[in-house]
Amino acid sequence: MIGLVSLLVIGPERLPKVARIAGFWIGKSRAMMASVKAEIKQELQEEEIRQILKEQIKLEEFHAAINETSDITNSIKETLVEPPEKAQITTDLNDESK
């Protein structure tokens, strides 16, 4: 239908040249659209990588806080638990005072 109308409007002499030009511009526009799609896809992938890196940094900070808390807890436990030698001396002193 489009070919018949263009043949009538443009004429048989100019139709091949117009068809080549139209094909050229259609090809250019398709290439441009493919390029835009590729750029958008790349930007989305880059954003996804940025988000993953941000999450990993947050996880590393969280692990550091857990390790720090664990270290503090262990040091508190060490100070609360008497060494066996001190416990024996305390027991001996209590026995002598009776």
Protein backbone atom coordinates (compact mmCIF):
# COMPACT_ATOMS: atom_id res chain seq x y z
CA MET A 1 0.00 0.00 0.00
CA ILE A 2 2.77 2.43 0.99
CA GLY A 3 4.80 1.38 -2.05
CA LEU A 4 1.89 2.00 -4.40
CA VAL A 5 1.13 5.44 -2.97
CA SER A 6 4.80 6.43 -3.06
CA LEU A 7 5.06 5.22 -6.66
CA LEU A 8 2.12 7.39 -7.62
CA VAL A 9 3.28 10.45 -5.65
CA ILE A 10 7.04 10.33 -6.31
CA GLY A 11 7.06 8.71 -9.70
CA PRO A 12 8.96 5.73 -11.08
CA GLU A 13 12.15 7.69 -11.91
CA ARG A 14 12.78 9.12 -8.42
CA LEU A 15 11.40 6.20 -6.39
CA PRO A 16 14.66 4.16 -6.20
CA LYS A 17 16.65 7.21 -5.02
CA VAL A 18 13.99 8.11 -2.43
CA ALA A 19 13.85 4.47 -1.26
CA ARG A 20 17.66 4.41 -0.79
CA ILE A 21 17.57 7.68 1.16
CA ALA A 22 14.66 6.46 3.31
CA GLY A 23 16.49 3.17 3.93
CA PHE A 24 19.62 5.08 4.88
CA TRP A 25 17.76 7.22 7.44
CA ILE A 26 15.83 4.25 8.81
CA GLY A 27 19.13 2.41 9.27
CA LYS A 28 20.67 5.44 10.97
CA SER A 29 17.72 5.82 13.31
CA ARG A 30 17.82 2.11 14.22
CA ALA A 31 21.55 2.34 14.92
CA MET A 32 20.97 5.42 17.06
CA MET A 33 18.21 3.68 18.99
CA ALA A 34 20.45 0.65 19.56
CA SER A 35 23.19 2.96 20.80
CA VAL A 36 20.82 4.72 23.20
CA LYS A 37 19.56 1.36 24.49
CA ALA A 38 23.14 0.19 25.05
CA GLU A 39 24.02 3.39 26.94
CA ILE A 40 20.93 3.08 29.14
CA LYS A 41 21.73 -0.56 29.87
CA GLN A 42 25.31 0.35 30.76
CA GLU A 43 24.16 3.15 33.08
CA LEU A 44 21.75 0.78 34.82
CA GLN A 45 24.52 -1.78 35.32
CA GLU A 46 26.85 0.89 36.68
CA GLU A 47 24.17 2.07 39.11
CA GLU A 48 23.58 -1.51 40.22
CA ILE A 49 27.32 -1.93 40.87
CA ARG A 50 27.36 1.33 42.86
CA GLN A 51 24.47 0.08 44.99
CA ILE A 52 26.23 -3.24 45.61
CA LEU A 53 29.41 -1.43 46.64
CA LYS A 54 27.45 0.81 49.03
CA GLU A 55 25.82 -2.26 50.59
CA GLN A 56 29.20 -3.95 50.93
CA ILE A 57 30.66 -0.89 52.65
CA LYS A 58 27.73 -0.88 55.07
CA LEU A 59 28.27 -4.58 55.75
CA GLU A 60 31.98 -4.02 56.36
CA GLU A 61 31.14 -1.24 58.84
CA PHE A 62 28.62 -3.54 60.51
CA HIS A 63 31.19 -6.36 60.79
CA ALA A 64 33.73 -3.91 62.23
CA ALA A 65 31.20 -2.81 64.86
CA ILE A 66 30.44 -6.44 65.72
CA ASN A 67 34.14 -7.24 66.05
CA GLU A 68 34.68 -4.18 68.24
CA THR A 69 31.74 -5.17 70.44
CA SER A 70 33.06 -8.71 70.67
CA ASP A 71 36.51 -7.47 71.66
CA ILE A 72 35.02 -5.23 74.36
CA THR A 73 32.86 -8.09 75.64
CA ASN A 74 35.87 -10.39 75.83
CA SER A 75 37.95 -7.82 77.69
CA ILE A 76 35.12 -7.30 80.19
CA LYS A 77 34.82 -11.06 80.69
CA GLU A 78 38.58 -11.31 81.27
CA THR A 79 38.48 -8.61 83.94
CA LEU A 80 35.49 -10.21 85.69
CA VAL A 81 36.92 -13.73 85.81
CA GLU A 82 39.59 -14.06 88.46
CA PRO A 83 42.68 -16.05 87.58
CA PRO A 84 42.87 -19.40 89.47
CA GLU A 85 45.86 -18.26 91.53
CA LYS A 86 44.02 -15.24 92.93
CA ALA A 87 40.97 -17.37 93.69
CA GLN A 88 43.14 -19.85 95.66
CA ILE A 89 44.80 -17.06 97.64
CA THR A 90 41.41 -15.57 98.50
CA THR A 91 40.16 -18.98 99.64
CA ASP A 92 43.28 -19.50 101.78
CA LEU A 93 42.88 -16.09 103.44
CA ASN A 94 39.26 -16.80 104.23
CA ASP A 95 40.19 -20.14 105.82
CA GLU A 96 42.86 -18.52 108.02
CA SER A 97 40.53 -15.87 109.36
CA LYS A 98 38.09 -18.46 110.72
